């Protein structure tokens, strides 16, 4: 029986089985008579001839759930679901056995893993789709650029994904990327590989045991100083995007990532308390502190205004088209302000964290402000400030310990030059 957590798709169906690796999955179709017809959907692999994922749906005869059930119907629903789930589990065992047959194995070997990744990308519905797309792009670039692997640039069978290839790809990411990029790209690539393992395209993950490490305490992105941010606010230019400008300002003062700023709605704003509450897209479902409630200044509230529709929970504060377009406009704005730093959207988050610490704010407060569950995520900003202090020290007048009456430089064994 569909709940608020179940996503009913356009064809009126939803999945009851939540395990991504399950095959078949138990689902239901919402009927017009107030019932839901149960079905099993089998994943049959990627069809190289049609360039599509092949699936088969089998409706379970006489197995229905009541929507909005009364107590008796609820008990019948529970009994029906239990029977259907047992059936699904038994069929999965049988299906896996069939999948390991010689015929099935030969079919899998004909898959082009490059096309399989593209199909995965097309069906991917989470908010980090941009990073999935980037990971696939980097892997293809790696194959094309390496003499040992460029023969796979057009066709790569699943059996060709070797441990050595994965080690070389991980090394390539670290050599060509910077900051957190290589680690993040590797994590997305492994997600695709693990999905292939779950769906029997790969017998096991060739990525197992391979890691891409970064210095979590190093702040590798540029940050804007308070003076540079003030200069940015004072800068206007013809044909600037007011939407992107306001979104960037909101990001800076709230510390929100682009993925959250682009989706935040007026329903998240509490005008009376002058706060906003969101569930961070990056940590949602992975961290018990993904929900963040932060204050809003009067100026920010004035800038975003009030909702213009009768449904503020779906009305977005900022109509941002894409991450790429937003960053492009931000970089143009930074350049017009006379700053030669490389500022991406995420740099705004780094900038406000660094500035809060520079002003003497407590590190725990800053961590909570950014929605971090652990203080070590903020250590990079503390370290950056220590480096700033060291640079500041070098700008002070240099000390001299020359004895009274000693010519400058004589204490080092140097003689003053004669004229």
Protein backbone atom coordinates (compact mmCIF):
# COMPACT_ATOMS: atom_id res chain seq x y z
CA UNK A 1 0.00 0.00 0.00
CA UNK A 2 1.67 3.21 -1.17
CA UNK A 3 2.70 5.67 1.53
CA UNK A 4 4.07 9.19 1.34
CA UNK A 5 7.57 7.72 1.19
CA UNK A 6 6.76 5.61 -1.88
CA UNK A 7 7.26 7.35 -5.18
CA UNK A 8 4.36 6.54 -7.50
CA UNK A 9 5.64 6.81 -11.04
CA UNK A 10 3.90 8.25 -14.09
CA UNK A 11 2.48 4.83 -15.03
CA UNK A 12 0.82 4.51 -11.61
CA UNK A 13 3.29 1.97 -10.21
CA UNK A 14 5.72 1.96 -7.29
CA UNK A 15 8.18 -0.51 -5.81
CA UNK A 16 7.68 -2.19 -2.46
CA UNK A 17 11.13 -3.82 -2.57
CA UNK A 18 13.71 -1.15 -1.63
CA UNK A 19 16.86 -3.27 -1.99
CA UNK A 20 18.62 -2.12 -5.18
CA UNK A 21 20.23 -5.54 -5.64
CA UNK A 22 16.95 -7.46 -5.45
CA UNK A 23 15.90 -9.28 -8.63
CA UNK A 24 12.98 -9.58 -9.10
CA UNK A 25 11.51 -6.62 -7.25
CA UNK A 26 8.02 -6.56 -5.78
CA UNK A 27 5.89 -3.64 -6.91
CA UNK A 28 2.28 -2.54 -7.18
CA UNK A 29 0.09 -0.75 -9.68
CA UNK A 30 -2.49 1.70 -8.33
CA UNK A 31 -5.92 0.78 -9.73
CA UNK A 32 -8.94 3.03 -10.20
CA UNK A 33 -11.13 0.83 -7.98
CA UNK A 34 -9.16 1.65 -4.81
CA UNK A 35 -6.88 -1.40 -4.90
CA UNK A 36 -3.27 -2.03 -5.92
CA UNK A 37 -2.29 -4.99 -8.12
CA UNK A 38 0.99 -6.61 -7.08
CA UNK A 39 3.63 -7.51 -9.66
CA UNK A 40 7.22 -8.78 -9.92
CA UNK A 41 9.69 -6.98 -12.17
CA UNK A 42 12.78 -8.80 -13.40
CA UNK A 43 15.97 -7.07 -14.51
CA UNK A 44 17.24 -9.04 -17.54
CA UNK A 45 20.40 -7.06 -18.27
CA UNK A 46 21.45 -4.61 -20.95
CA UNK A 47 20.38 -5.39 -24.52
CA UNK A 48 23.27 -4.34 -26.75
CA UNK A 49 21.14 -4.55 -29.90
CA UNK A 50 18.49 -2.09 -28.70
CA UNK A 51 20.86 -0.11 -26.43
CA UNK A 52 18.33 -0.41 -23.62
CA UNK A 53 17.98 -2.17 -20.28
CA UNK A 54 15.74 -5.22 -20.65
CA UNK A 55 13.06 -5.84 -18.02
CA UNK A 56 10.07 -8.15 -17.63
CA UNK A 57 6.99 -7.50 -15.49
CA UNK A 58 4.76 -10.29 -14.21
CA UNK A 59 1.50 -9.43 -12.42
CA UNK A 60 0.57 -11.74 -9.56
CA UNK A 61 -2.82 -13.23 -10.24
CA UNK A 62 -5.42 -12.46 -7.58
CA UNK A 63 -2.98 -10.56 -5.34
CA UNK A 64 -4.27 -7.08 -4.50
CA UNK A 65 -3.85 -4.59 -1.66
CA UNK A 66 -6.57 -2.32 -0.35
CA UNK A 67 -5.86 1.40 -0.33
CA UNK A 68 -6.94 3.24 2.84
CA UNK A 69 -7.87 -0.09 4.45
CA UNK A 70 -10.11 -0.65 7.43
CA UNK A 71 -8.77 -2.91 10.23
CA UNK A 72 -9.93 -6.13 8.53
CA UNK A 73 -8.56 -5.08 5.14
CA UNK A 74 -5.27 -4.07 6.78
CA UNK A 75 -4.86 -7.60 8.12
CA UNK A 76 -5.60 -9.00 4.64
CA UNK A 77 -3.01 -6.60 3.19
CA UNK A 78 -0.39 -7.87 5.65
CA UNK A 79 -1.12 -11.50 4.78
CA UNK A 80 -1.02 -10.80 1.03
CA UNK A 81 2.26 -8.89 1.32
CA UNK A 82 3.86 -11.65 3.36
CA UNK A 83 2.89 -14.25 0.74
CA UNK A 84 4.13 -12.07 -2.13
CA UNK A 85 7.44 -11.32 -0.42
CA UNK A 86 8.08 -15.02 0.23
CA UNK A 87 7.33 -15.72 -3.43
CA UNK A 88 9.71 -12.95 -4.50
CA UNK A 89 12.53 -14.31 -2.32
CA UNK A 90 12.10 -17.84 -3.70
CA UNK A 91 12.06 -16.61 -7.28
CA UNK A 92 15.19 -14.53 -6.69
CA UNK A 93 17.13 -17.65 -5.67
CA UNK A 94 15.90 -19.45 -8.78
CA UNK A 95 16.62 -16.46 -11.01
CA UNK A 96 20.19 -16.14 -9.73
CA UNK A 97 20.76 -19.82 -10.45
CA UNK A 98 19.48 -19.31 -13.99
CA UNK A 99 21.62 -16.19 -14.33
CA UNK A 100 24.72 -18.25 -13.65
CA UNK A 101 23.98 -20.57 -16.53
CA UNK A 102 26.27 -20.69 -19.57
CA UNK A 103 23.70 -19.02 -21.83
CA UNK A 104 23.25 -16.12 -19.42
CA UNK A 105 27.00 -15.69 -19.02
CA UNK A 106 27.52 -15.50 -22.79
CA UNK A 107 24.84 -12.86 -23.02
CA UNK A 108 26.56 -10.76 -20.37
CA UNK A 109 29.89 -10.98 -22.14
CA UNK A 110 28.43 -9.21 -25.18
CA UNK A 111 27.65 -6.08 -23.14
CA UNK A 112 29.65 -2.94 -23.92
CA UNK A 113 30.32 -1.59 -20.44
CA UNK A 114 30.73 1.93 -21.84
CA UNK A 115 27.15 1.82 -23.15
CA UNK A 116 26.03 0.24 -19.88
CA UNK A 117 27.43 3.23 -17.95
CA UNK A 118 25.62 5.66 -20.26
CA UNK A 119 22.37 3.77 -19.69
CA UNK A 120 22.98 3.94 -15.94
CA UNK A 121 23.44 7.70 -16.28
CA UNK A 122 20.19 8.10 -18.24
CA UNK A 123 18.20 6.26 -15.56
CA UNK A 124 19.94 7.91 -12.61
CA UNK A 125 17.52 10.17 -10.74
CA UNK A 126 19.52 11.47 -7.76
CA UNK A 127 20.77 15.03 -7.38
CA UNK A 128 24.45 14.19 -7.93
CA UNK A 129 23.80 13.23 -11.57
CA UNK A 130 26.36 15.85 -12.61
CA UNK A 131 29.09 13.96 -10.71
CA UNK A 132 27.98 10.63 -12.21
CA UNK A 133 28.25 12.18 -15.67
CA UNK A 134 31.68 13.59 -14.83
CA UNK A 135 32.96 10.22 -13.52
CA UNK A 136 31.95 8.48 -16.76
CA UNK A 137 33.60 11.25 -18.79
CA UNK A 138 36.85 10.95 -16.80
CA UNK A 139 36.92 7.16 -17.25
CA UNK A 140 36.48 7.48 -21.02
CA UNK A 141 39.23 10.13 -21.13
CA UNK A 142 41.47 7.77 -19.16
CA UNK A 143 40.94 4.92 -21.64
CA UNK A 144 41.63 7.18 -24.63
CA UNK A 145 44.77 8.74 -23.14
CA UNK A 146 46.54 5.57 -21.95
CA UNK A 147 48.37 3.45 -24.58
CA UNK A 148 47.82 0.34 -22.45
CA UNK A 149 44.04 0.81 -22.49
CA UNK A 150 43.09 2.92 -25.52
CA UNK A 151 42.02 -0.21 -27.40
CA UNK A 152 39.00 -0.24 -25.06
CA UNK A 153 37.99 3.36 -25.88
CA UNK A 154 35.06 2.20 -28.05
CA UNK A 155 34.23 -1.22 -26.66
CA UNK A 156 34.87 -2.53 -23.16
CA UNK A 157 33.55 -5.94 -22.13
CA UNK A 158 32.77 -6.39 -18.41
CA UNK A 159 35.52 -9.01 -18.18
CA UNK A 160 38.05 -6.39 -19.37
CA UNK A 161 37.64 -4.34 -16.17
CA UNK A 162 40.73 -5.64 -14.41
CA UNK A 163 42.26 -4.72 -11.06
CA UNK A 164 45.29 -3.24 -12.84
CA UNK A 165 43.02 -1.03 -14.95
CA UNK A 166 41.24 0.26 -11.85
CA UNK A 167 44.53 1.00 -10.07
CA UNK A 168 45.70 2.92 -13.15
CA UNK A 169 42.40 4.85 -13.29
CA UNK A 170 42.61 5.78 -9.60
CA UNK A 171 46.20 6.99 -10.12
CA UNK A 172 45.04 8.96 -13.18
CA UNK A 173 42.34 10.73 -11.15
CA UNK A 174 44.84 11.73 -8.47
CA UNK A 175 47.36 12.93 -11.05
CA UNK A 176 44.89 15.02 -13.08
CA UNK A 177 42.56 16.29 -10.35
CA UNK A 178 42.87 18.46 -7.30
CA UNK A 179 41.21 18.93 -3.95
CA UNK A 180 38.32 16.60 -3.20
CA UNK A 181 37.56 16.05 -6.90
CA UNK A 182 39.49 12.76 -7.43
CA UNK A 183 38.02 11.12 -4.32
CA UNK A 184 34.49 12.21 -5.22
CA UNK A 185 34.85 11.05 -8.85
CA UNK A 186 36.21 7.66 -7.75
CA UNK A 187 33.28 7.20 -5.35
CA UNK A 188 30.76 7.80 -8.18
CA UNK A 189 32.59 5.45 -10.53
CA UNK A 190 32.58 2.72 -7.87
CA UNK A 191 28.84 3.23 -7.46
CA UNK A 192 28.33 2.32 -11.12
CA UNK A 193 30.60 -0.72 -10.80
CA UNK A 194 28.82 -1.90 -7.64
CA UNK A 195 25.47 -1.52 -9.40
CA UNK A 196 26.79 -3.75 -12.20
CA UNK A 197 27.84 -6.34 -9.61
CA UNK A 198 24.39 -6.24 -7.97
CA UNK A 199 22.77 -6.87 -11.35
CA UNK A 200 25.12 -9.71 -12.33
CA UNK A 201 26.86 -7.77 -15.10
CA UNK A 202 30.13 -8.18 -13.15
CA UNK A 203 30.93 -11.19 -10.96
CA UNK A 204 32.80 -9.03 -8.44
CA UNK A 205 34.04 -5.47 -8.12
CA UNK A 206 37.52 -4.85 -9.55
CA UNK A 207 37.60 -1.65 -7.44
CA UNK A 208 37.67 -3.51 -4.12
CA UNK A 209 40.58 -2.42 -1.92
CA UNK A 210 41.53 0.54 -4.13
CA UNK A 211 41.24 4.00 -2.57
CA UNK A 212 41.81 7.56 -3.70
CA UNK A 213 43.14 9.56 -0.78
CA UNK A 214 43.15 13.29 -0.22
CA UNK A 215 44.34 15.51 2.59
CA UNK A 216 41.03 16.28 4.31
CA UNK A 217 42.73 19.02 6.31
CA UNK A 218 43.93 20.90 3.24
CA UNK A 219 41.78 23.72 1.85
CA UNK A 220 42.56 23.46 -1.86
CA UNK A 221 39.92 25.87 -3.17
CA UNK A 222 40.29 29.64 -3.32
CA UNK A 223 38.27 31.68 -0.84
CA UNK A 224 37.08 35.26 -0.92
CA UNK A 225 38.23 37.61 1.82
CA UNK A 226 35.71 39.94 3.46
CA UNK A 227 37.10 42.81 1.36
CA UNK A 228 36.77 40.82 -1.87
CA UNK A 229 33.21 39.81 -0.97
CA UNK A 230 32.30 43.46 -0.29
CA UNK A 231 33.80 44.41 -3.65
CA UNK A 232 31.76 41.68 -5.30
CA UNK A 233 28.54 42.98 -3.74
CA UNK A 234 29.33 46.47 -5.02
CA UNK A 235 29.94 45.22 -8.57
CA UNK A 236 27.23 45.29 -11.23
CA UNK A 237 27.52 44.82 -14.98
CA UNK A 238 25.18 44.82 -18.01
CA UNK A 239 23.04 41.70 -18.53
CA UNK A 240 23.93 40.20 -15.16
CA UNK A 241 21.54 37.53 -13.89
CA UNK A 242 19.71 38.85 -10.85
CA UNK A 243 18.53 35.31 -10.01
CA UNK A 244 22.06 33.88 -9.96
CA UNK A 245 23.35 36.95 -8.11
CA UNK A 246 20.73 36.56 -5.36
CA UNK A 247 21.30 32.80 -5.16
CA UNK A 248 25.05 33.33 -4.75
CA UNK A 249 24.46 35.89 -2.00
CA UNK A 250 22.12 33.45 -0.27
CA UNK A 251 24.74 30.69 -0.57
CA UNK A 252 27.44 32.85 0.98
CA UNK A 253 25.43 33.98 4.00
CA UNK A 254 23.87 30.56 4.67
CA UNK A 255 26.80 28.30 3.67
CA UNK A 256 24.50 26.19 1.49
CA UNK A 257 25.77 24.10 -1.41
CA UNK A 258 24.45 24.74 -4.92
CA UNK A 259 22.39 21.53 -4.87
CA UNK A 260 20.51 22.85 -1.83
CA UNK A 261 20.21 26.46 -2.98
CA UNK A 262 18.82 25.32 -6.34
CA UNK A 263 16.04 23.29 -4.70
CA UNK A 264 15.16 25.22 -1.53
CA UNK A 265 11.54 26.34 -1.52
CA UNK A 266 9.56 28.99 0.31
CA UNK A 267 8.13 26.19 2.40
CA UNK A 268 11.53 25.93 4.10
CA UNK A 269 11.34 29.53 5.33
CA UNK A 270 9.92 30.39 8.76
CA UNK A 271 9.30 34.13 8.43
CA UNK A 272 8.26 34.55 12.04
CA UNK A 273 11.35 32.83 13.49
CA UNK A 274 13.55 34.20 10.69
CA UNK A 275 15.05 30.77 9.96
CA UNK A 276 15.15 28.16 7.20
CA UNK A 277 15.19 24.38 7.55
CA UNK A 278 16.43 21.96 4.88
CA UNK A 279 17.51 18.34 4.55
CA UNK A 280 20.95 18.56 2.92
CA UNK A 281 20.98 16.69 -0.39
CA UNK A 282 24.58 15.50 0.01
CA UNK A 283 24.09 13.87 3.42
CA UNK A 284 20.39 12.97 3.31
CA UNK A 285 19.98 9.33 4.25
CA UNK A 286 23.66 9.00 5.18
CA UNK A 287 23.97 11.21 8.25
CA UNK A 288 21.79 11.81 11.29
CA UNK A 289 22.57 15.53 11.09
CA UNK A 290 21.54 16.09 7.48
CA UNK A 291 18.72 18.41 8.58
CA UNK A 292 19.89 21.99 9.15
CA UNK A 293 18.04 24.94 10.68
CA UNK A 294 19.86 28.26 10.41
CA UNK A 295 18.96 31.91 10.97
CA UNK A 296 18.19 34.42 8.23
CA UNK A 297 19.00 38.11 8.45
CA UNK A 298 16.39 40.76 7.72
CA UNK A 299 18.30 41.64 4.54
CA UNK A 300 18.16 38.06 3.25
CA UNK A 301 14.43 37.81 4.00
CA UNK A 302 13.88 41.08 2.16
CA UNK A 303 15.95 39.81 -0.78
CA UNK A 304 14.03 36.53 -1.24
CA UNK A 305 10.64 38.14 -0.64
CA UNK A 306 7.43 36.20 -0.11
CA UNK A 307 5.99 33.27 -2.10
CA UNK A 308 3.99 34.23 -5.19
CA UNK A 309 1.91 31.04 -5.36
CA UNK A 310 -0.52 29.26 -3.04
CA UNK A 311 1.86 26.30 -2.68
CA UNK A 312 5.12 27.57 -1.12
CA UNK A 313 6.39 24.02 -0.51
CA UNK A 314 6.95 23.59 -4.27
CA UNK A 315 7.83 27.20 -5.18
CA UNK A 316 11.61 27.56 -5.39
CA UNK A 317 13.44 30.62 -4.12
CA UNK A 318 15.73 30.66 -7.16
CA UNK A 319 15.04 29.34 -10.65
CA UNK A 320 18.55 28.12 -11.46
CA UNK A 321 18.89 26.30 -14.80
CA UNK A 322 22.08 24.31 -14.20
CA UNK A 323 25.22 24.15 -12.07
CA UNK A 324 27.41 24.91 -15.08
CA UNK A 325 25.44 28.05 -16.02
CA UNK A 326 25.44 29.24 -12.41
CA UNK A 327 29.22 28.83 -12.04
CA UNK A 328 29.85 30.51 -15.39
CA UNK A 329 27.85 33.57 -14.31
CA UNK A 330 29.58 33.62 -10.91
CA UNK A 331 33.04 33.55 -12.50
CA UNK A 332 32.05 36.40 -14.84
CA UNK A 333 30.86 38.41 -11.82
CA UNK A 334 34.08 37.73 -9.89
CA UNK A 335 36.18 38.79 -12.89
CA UNK A 336 34.21 42.04 -13.25
CA UNK A 337 34.91 42.71 -9.56
CA UNK A 338 38.65 42.58 -10.29
CA UNK A 339 39.42 39.34 -8.43
CA UNK A 340 41.74 36.90 -10.20
CA UNK A 341 40.95 33.94 -7.94
CA UNK A 342 39.34 30.76 -9.30
CA UNK A 343 35.96 30.90 -7.58
CA UNK A 344 33.44 28.10 -8.09
CA UNK A 345 30.05 27.99 -6.37
CA UNK A 346 31.37 25.75 -3.59
CA UNK A 347 34.04 28.39 -2.83
CA UNK A 348 31.26 30.57 -1.41
CA UNK A 349 30.69 27.94 1.29
CA UNK A 350 34.42 27.77 2.01
CA UNK A 351 34.61 31.58 2.09
CA UNK A 352 31.93 32.11 4.73
CA UNK A 353 33.36 29.32 6.92
CA UNK A 354 36.84 30.82 6.75
CA UNK A 355 35.55 34.32 7.46
CA UNK A 356 33.50 33.19 10.48
CA UNK A 357 36.59 31.54 11.97
CA UNK A 358 38.71 34.58 11.14
CA UNK A 359 36.25 36.68 13.13
CA UNK A 360 36.81 34.41 16.13
CA UNK A 361 33.69 32.24 15.91
CA UNK A 362 33.74 28.90 17.74
CA UNK A 363 34.66 25.96 15.49
CA UNK A 364 31.67 23.91 16.67
CA UNK A 365 29.29 26.74 15.80
CA UNK A 366 30.81 26.93 12.32
CA UNK A 367 30.52 23.15 11.89
CA UNK A 368 26.84 23.26 12.89
CA UNK A 369 26.25 26.27 10.65
CA UNK A 370 27.56 24.33 7.65
CA UNK A 371 25.64 21.20 8.60
CA UNK A 372 28.75 19.11 9.34
CA UNK A 373 28.34 16.28 11.83
CA UNK A 374 32.04 16.19 12.74
CA UNK A 375 34.55 18.92 13.57
CA UNK A 376 37.27 17.39 11.37
CA UNK A 377 35.42 18.67 8.29
CA UNK A 378 36.09 22.22 9.49
CA UNK A 379 39.77 21.65 10.36
CA UNK A 380 40.75 22.58 6.81
CA UNK A 381 39.52 26.13 7.44
CA UNK A 382 41.43 26.39 10.72
CA UNK A 383 44.58 25.21 8.93
CA UNK A 384 44.03 27.76 6.17
CA UNK A 385 43.79 30.53 8.77
CA UNK A 386 47.06 29.35 10.37
CA UNK A 387 48.72 29.66 6.97
CA UNK A 388 47.22 33.16 6.57
CA UNK A 389 48.71 34.16 9.93
CA UNK A 390 52.12 32.84 8.91
CA UNK A 391 51.97 34.88 5.69
CA UNK A 392 50.92 37.92 7.70
CA UNK A 393 53.94 37.50 9.98
CA UNK A 394 56.32 37.65 7.01
CA UNK A 395 54.91 41.10 6.09
CA UNK A 396 56.02 42.66 9.40
CA UNK A 397 59.35 44.54 9.63
CA UNK A 398 62.25 42.10 10.03
CA UNK A 399 64.05 41.91 13.36
CA UNK A 400 67.71 42.92 13.67
CA UNK A 401 69.87 41.92 16.65
CA UNK A 402 72.88 44.07 15.73
CA UNK A 403 74.86 45.43 18.71
CA UNK A 404 74.84 49.17 19.21
CA UNK A 405 77.44 50.72 16.97
CA UNK A 406 77.68 47.68 14.71
CA UNK A 407 77.21 48.38 11.05
CA UNK A 408 74.11 46.71 9.52
CA UNK A 409 75.04 43.21 8.29
CA UNK A 410 78.27 43.02 10.34
CA UNK A 411 76.70 40.61 12.85
CA UNK A 412 76.35 38.10 10.01
CA UNK A 413 79.97 38.37 9.03
CA UNK A 414 79.29 40.85 6.24
CA UNK A 415 81.21 44.06 5.87
CA UNK A 416 79.46 47.26 4.95
CA UNK A 417 80.13 48.26 1.41
CA UNK A 418 82.45 51.19 0.84
CA UNK A 419 81.48 54.05 -1.34
